[in-house]
């Protein structure tokens, strides 16, 4: 196994899943008799877990009943994982070009992430799901756990993500962070093009 590794986040980094996540949020809002939100309104709540997302997308008067809202969301999303979700442009080419070890470190639960990966035909040398016993980003645990399984030191790895949660997890793990070109904010870490990952790990771009 190579002594270098590239680890990736999933949602918002490799996979544009906003449409399906927004539809699940709007299924909850419909259940509550509320109007639909635009995808741009839903996007502001992504990246920090379902509880944060629902609080961001629902009026405060419904926050006491988040358990029921979670159930509606999970049932809808689980039945519609890949209706509108698509890989971002250039992702599949990049995954095919990387010669060193690769990993996926996502806060997405296994029950959703595994069917998505199977549908896409994507494989990685190591995968850490959000409900694995390593904690969740922004904790360093998931990234460090992935690197331990690969036998790669933190200084020889990069983590590619799209949110501040990804950055904080990378920082805590001592891993270089790279933000995808379509990330919002994170200007200091944002790549000009996705293939810059290859340059960062010393492979020809």
Protein backbone atom coordinates (compact mmCIF):
# COMPACT_ATOMS: atom_id res chain seq x y z
CA UNK A 1 0.00 0.00 0.00
CA UNK A 2 1.24 3.51 -0.80
CA UNK A 3 2.53 5.68 2.05
CA UNK A 4 0.32 8.57 0.90
CA UNK A 5 -3.44 8.92 0.97
CA UNK A 6 -6.23 11.15 -0.27
CA UNK A 7 -9.38 11.12 1.86
CA UNK A 8 -12.67 12.58 0.68
CA UNK A 9 -15.91 13.82 2.14
CA UNK A 10 -19.00 12.66 0.22
CA UNK A 11 -21.95 15.09 0.16
CA UNK A 12 -21.10 18.43 -1.38
CA UNK A 13 -17.60 17.24 -2.22
CA UNK A 14 -17.86 14.24 -4.53
CA UNK A 15 -21.64 14.05 -4.78
CA UNK A 16 -24.08 16.87 -5.50
CA UNK A 17 -26.86 15.56 -3.28
CA UNK A 18 -28.51 18.89 -2.51
CA UNK A 19 -31.61 18.18 -4.63
CA UNK A 20 -32.47 14.94 -2.88
CA UNK A 21 -31.71 16.36 0.58
CA UNK A 22 -33.85 19.42 -0.15
CA UNK A 23 -36.70 17.17 -1.30
CA UNK A 24 -36.51 15.28 2.00
CA UNK A 25 -36.57 18.53 3.97
CA UNK A 26 -39.57 19.67 1.95
CA UNK A 27 -41.31 16.36 2.63
CA UNK A 28 -41.07 17.27 6.30
CA UNK A 29 -42.35 20.77 5.68
CA UNK A 30 -45.26 19.43 3.62
CA UNK A 31 -46.11 17.05 6.47
CA UNK A 32 -46.25 20.07 8.78
CA UNK A 33 -48.35 22.15 6.40
CA UNK A 34 -45.50 24.48 5.46
CA UNK A 35 -44.47 25.78 2.05
CA UNK A 36 -41.45 24.38 0.23
CA UNK A 37 -38.01 25.90 0.56
CA UNK A 38 -35.69 26.59 -2.34
CA UNK A 39 -32.55 24.47 -2.52
CA UNK A 40 -30.44 27.52 -1.72
CA UNK A 41 -32.33 27.95 1.55
CA UNK A 42 -31.77 24.30 2.50
CA UNK A 43 -28.08 24.41 1.63
CA UNK A 44 -27.30 26.80 4.50
CA UNK A 45 -28.17 24.08 7.02
CA UNK A 46 -26.04 21.33 5.53
CA UNK A 47 -22.78 20.01 6.90
CA UNK A 48 -23.43 19.79 10.63
CA UNK A 49 -25.88 16.93 10.97
CA UNK A 50 -29.58 16.31 10.54
CA UNK A 51 -30.62 18.01 13.78
CA UNK A 52 -28.97 21.25 12.72
CA UNK A 53 -30.47 20.96 9.24
CA UNK A 54 -34.01 20.51 10.53
CA UNK A 55 -33.70 23.36 13.00
CA UNK A 56 -32.41 25.60 10.23
CA UNK A 57 -35.26 24.65 7.88
CA UNK A 58 -38.19 24.58 10.28
CA UNK A 59 -39.83 27.32 12.35
CA UNK A 60 -38.93 27.23 16.04
CA UNK A 61 -42.47 26.18 16.98
CA UNK A 62 -41.76 22.74 15.47
CA UNK A 63 -38.40 22.15 17.16
CA UNK A 64 -40.04 20.34 20.07
CA UNK A 65 -41.09 17.56 17.68
CA UNK A 66 -37.80 16.92 15.88
CA UNK A 67 -37.97 13.17 16.45
CA UNK A 68 -41.08 12.90 14.26
CA UNK A 69 -39.55 15.28 11.73
CA UNK A 70 -36.39 13.17 11.60
CA UNK A 71 -38.46 10.07 10.90
CA UNK A 72 -40.27 11.73 7.99
CA UNK A 73 -36.97 13.01 6.59
CA UNK A 74 -35.18 9.67 6.90
CA UNK A 75 -38.03 7.68 5.37
CA UNK A 76 -38.30 10.02 2.40
CA UNK A 77 -34.57 10.35 1.83
CA UNK A 78 -33.95 6.62 2.23
CA UNK A 79 -36.41 5.91 -0.57
CA UNK A 80 -34.98 8.61 -2.86
CA UNK A 81 -31.21 8.52 -2.45
CA UNK A 82 -30.22 8.94 -6.09
CA UNK A 83 -33.19 10.60 -7.77
CA UNK A 84 -31.45 13.91 -8.39
CA UNK A 85 -28.02 13.35 -6.88
CA UNK A 86 -25.09 13.30 -9.31
CA UNK A 87 -21.29 13.30 -9.08
CA UNK A 88 -19.78 16.74 -9.50
CA UNK A 89 -18.05 17.34 -12.81
CA UNK A 90 -14.58 15.82 -12.91
CA UNK A 91 -15.00 13.66 -9.82
CA UNK A 92 -15.12 10.27 -11.52
CA UNK A 93 -12.11 11.10 -13.70
CA UNK A 94 -10.15 12.19 -10.63
CA UNK A 95 -11.00 9.04 -8.68
CA UNK A 96 -9.74 6.99 -11.61
CA UNK A 97 -6.49 8.95 -11.82
CA UNK A 98 -5.36 8.71 -8.19
CA UNK A 99 -2.64 6.10 -7.77
CA UNK A 100 -2.11 6.29 -4.01
CA UNK A 101 -4.46 5.06 -1.28
CA UNK A 102 -7.92 6.60 -1.18
CA UNK A 103 -10.50 6.85 1.55
CA UNK A 104 -13.99 8.17 2.17
CA UNK A 105 -14.73 9.82 5.51
CA UNK A 106 -18.34 10.93 5.71
CA UNK A 107 -20.83 11.84 8.42
CA UNK A 108 -23.50 10.12 6.33
CA UNK A 109 -24.83 6.95 8.00
CA UNK A 110 -23.92 3.61 6.50
CA UNK A 111 -27.56 2.82 5.65
CA UNK A 112 -27.57 5.67 3.13
CA UNK A 113 -23.96 5.90 2.02
CA UNK A 114 -23.49 2.23 1.12
CA UNK A 115 -26.38 2.09 -1.39
CA UNK A 116 -25.19 5.35 -2.93
CA UNK A 117 -21.64 4.03 -3.37
CA UNK A 118 -22.97 0.78 -4.81
CA UNK A 119 -25.15 2.71 -7.27
CA UNK A 120 -22.20 4.83 -8.37
CA UNK A 121 -19.77 1.92 -8.50
CA UNK A 122 -17.27 3.81 -6.36
CA UNK A 123 -14.75 1.96 -4.19
CA UNK A 124 -12.15 3.20 -1.73
CA UNK A 125 -9.36 1.54 0.21
CA UNK A 126 -11.06 2.57 3.45
CA UNK A 127 -14.50 3.99 4.27
CA UNK A 128 -15.59 5.56 7.55
CA UNK A 129 -19.32 6.21 7.93
CA UNK A 130 -20.98 8.66 10.27
CA UNK A 131 -22.35 5.94 12.54
CA UNK A 132 -19.08 4.01 12.85
CA UNK A 133 -17.60 4.01 16.39
CA UNK A 134 -14.99 6.67 15.59
CA UNK A 135 -17.04 9.78 16.28
CA UNK A 136 -18.18 12.30 13.72
CA UNK A 137 -16.51 15.26 12.07
CA UNK A 138 -15.40 17.81 13.24
CA UNK A 139 -13.82 15.30 15.60
CA UNK A 140 -10.44 14.04 14.37
CA UNK A 141 -11.47 10.46 15.09
CA UNK A 142 -12.89 9.48 11.69
CA UNK A 143 -9.92 10.81 9.72
CA UNK A 144 -7.34 9.37 12.11
CA UNK A 145 -9.18 6.05 12.11
CA UNK A 146 -9.12 5.92 8.33
CA UNK A 147 -5.39 6.70 8.23
CA UNK A 148 -4.66 4.06 10.86
CA UNK A 149 -6.38 1.44 8.74
CA UNK A 150 -4.34 2.54 5.73
CA UNK A 151 -1.08 2.73 7.65
CA UNK A 152 -0.53 6.31 6.44
CA UNK A 153 0.82 9.13 8.61
CA UNK A 154 -1.22 12.33 8.88
CA UNK A 155 1.54 14.42 7.31
CA UNK A 156 1.34 12.24 4.19
CA UNK A 157 -2.38 12.65 3.68
CA UNK A 158 -4.83 15.26 2.45
CA UNK A 159 -8.53 15.54 3.15
CA UNK A 160 -10.80 17.00 0.48
CA UNK A 161 -14.06 18.57 1.61
CA UNK A 162 -16.49 21.43 1.17
CA UNK A 163 -17.43 22.76 4.61
CA UNK A 164 -15.90 24.26 7.72
CA UNK A 165 -16.73 21.00 9.51
CA UNK A 166 -14.39 19.22 7.08
CA UNK A 167 -11.70 21.84 7.65
CA UNK A 168 -11.97 21.57 11.43
CA UNK A 169 -11.75 17.76 11.31
CA UNK A 170 -8.67 17.97 9.10
CA UNK A 171 -7.04 20.53 11.37
CA UNK A 172 -7.73 18.41 14.44
CA UNK A 173 -6.22 15.35 12.73
CA UNK A 174 -3.13 17.22 11.50
CA UNK A 175 -4.02 16.56 7.87
CA UNK A 176 -3.75 19.06 5.02
CA UNK A 177 -7.20 20.28 3.98
CA UNK A 178 -8.22 21.06 0.40
CA UNK A 179 -11.59 22.60 -0.46
CA UNK A 180 -13.26 21.69 -3.74
CA UNK A 181 -13.68 24.54 -6.26
CA UNK A 182 -17.44 24.68 -5.66
CA UNK A 183 -17.19 25.02 -1.87
CA UNK A 184 -18.70 28.16 -0.35
CA UNK A 185 -16.18 30.14 1.65
CA UNK A 186 -12.92 28.46 2.68
CA UNK A 187 -11.15 30.67 0.14
CA UNK A 188 -7.74 30.10 1.70
CA UNK A 189 -8.02 26.35 1.04
CA UNK A 190 -10.04 26.27 -2.18
CA UNK A 191 -8.51 24.59 -5.24
CA UNK A 192 -8.72 26.28 -8.62
CA UNK A 193 -9.56 22.94 -10.23
CA UNK A 194 -10.33 19.52 -8.86
CA UNK A 195 -7.30 17.91 -10.47
CA UNK A 196 -5.08 20.08 -8.24
CA UNK A 197 -5.45 17.20 -5.76
CA UNK A 198 -2.99 15.27 -7.92
CA UNK A 199 -0.45 18.08 -7.80
CA UNK A 200 -0.77 18.30 -4.03
CA UNK A 201 0.10 14.62 -3.57
CA UNK A 202 2.88 14.70 -6.13
CA UNK A 203 1.12 13.01 -9.02
CA UNK A 204 0.94 14.38 -12.55
CA UNK A 205 -2.19 16.45 -13.15
